[in-house]
Amino acid sequence: MNDTFRVVRNDEEQYSIMPSDMMNPPGWRDEGTVGSRAACLARIGEVWTDLRPRSLRESVAARTA
């Protein structure tokens, strides 16, 4: 069993974790953080503060600009 994980992100800037020995699903790329499950989840908690997909955030911003 692999206890090392990595943070991955998709084009909508949604985050998840993957075991470090698994390939990324299509559309997901490495964010750069590798470590324990807890460390990776903590990193996601730091960077993913707005859970809305990027396209929705941009749409809302364009309407209010």
Protein backbone atom coordinates (compact mmCIF):
# COMPACT_ATOMS: atom_id res chain seq x y z
CA MET A 1 0.00 0.00 0.00
CA ASN A 2 1.29 3.42 -0.97
CA ASP A 3 1.12 6.03 1.80
CA THR A 4 2.36 8.87 -0.41
CA PHE A 5 -0.13 11.10 -2.18
CA ARG A 6 0.01 14.13 -4.45
CA VAL A 7 -2.30 17.03 -5.07
CA VAL A 8 -3.82 17.26 -8.55
CA ARG A 9 -5.82 20.05 -10.18
CA ASN A 10 -8.01 20.27 -13.27
CA ASP A 11 -8.64 23.12 -15.71
CA GLU A 12 -11.57 24.33 -13.59
CA GLU A 13 -9.11 24.72 -10.67
CA GLN A 14 -10.75 21.94 -8.68
CA TYR A 15 -8.38 19.97 -6.46
CA SER A 16 -8.09 16.37 -5.37
CA ILE A 17 -5.49 13.91 -4.14
CA MET A 18 -4.13 10.85 -5.91
CA PRO A 19 -1.88 8.06 -4.66
CA SER A 20 1.57 8.94 -5.95
CA ASP A 21 1.91 5.68 -7.87
CA MET A 22 -1.28 6.16 -9.93
CA MET A 23 -1.60 8.01 -13.22
CA ASN A 24 -3.66 11.18 -13.30
CA PRO A 25 -7.14 10.90 -14.80
CA PRO A 26 -7.59 12.75 -18.10
CA GLY A 27 -7.78 16.50 -17.56
CA TRP A 28 -5.94 16.48 -14.23
CA ARG A 29 -2.31 17.56 -13.65
CA ASP A 30 0.05 17.63 -10.70
CA GLU A 31 -0.16 20.74 -8.52
CA GLY A 32 3.28 20.12 -7.00
CA THR A 33 2.54 18.93 -3.47
CA VAL A 34 3.58 15.38 -2.54
CA GLY A 35 3.32 13.87 0.94
CA SER A 36 1.01 12.17 3.37
CA ARG A 37 -2.74 12.17 2.85
CA ALA A 38 -3.09 14.68 5.69
CA ALA A 39 -0.44 17.00 4.23
CA CYS A 40 -2.06 16.92 0.80
CA LEU A 41 -5.52 17.60 2.22
CA ALA A 42 -4.09 20.47 4.28
CA ARG A 43 -2.58 21.96 1.11
CA ILE A 44 -5.93 21.73 -0.66
CA GLY A 45 -7.52 23.49 2.31
CA GLU A 46 -5.00 26.32 1.91
CA VAL A 47 -5.37 26.87 -1.83
CA TRP A 48 -8.94 25.86 -2.68
CA THR A 49 -10.84 28.51 -0.76
CA ASP A 50 -13.54 29.16 -3.38
CA LEU A 51 -15.11 25.83 -4.33
CA ARG A 52 -16.88 27.20 -7.40
CA PRO A 53 -15.41 26.03 -10.72
CA ARG A 54 -13.18 28.60 -12.44
CA SER A 55 -15.65 29.08 -15.31
CA LEU A 56 -18.40 30.04 -12.85
CA ARG A 57 -16.13 32.44 -10.95
CA GLU A 58 -15.13 34.13 -14.22
CA SER A 59 -18.75 34.36 -15.38
CA VAL A 60 -19.85 35.99 -12.13
CA ALA A 61 -16.89 38.38 -12.22
CA ALA A 62 -17.70 39.40 -15.80
CA ARG A 63 -21.32 40.17 -14.89
CA THR A 64 -20.33 42.33 -11.93
CA ALA A 65 -17.53 44.22 -13.69
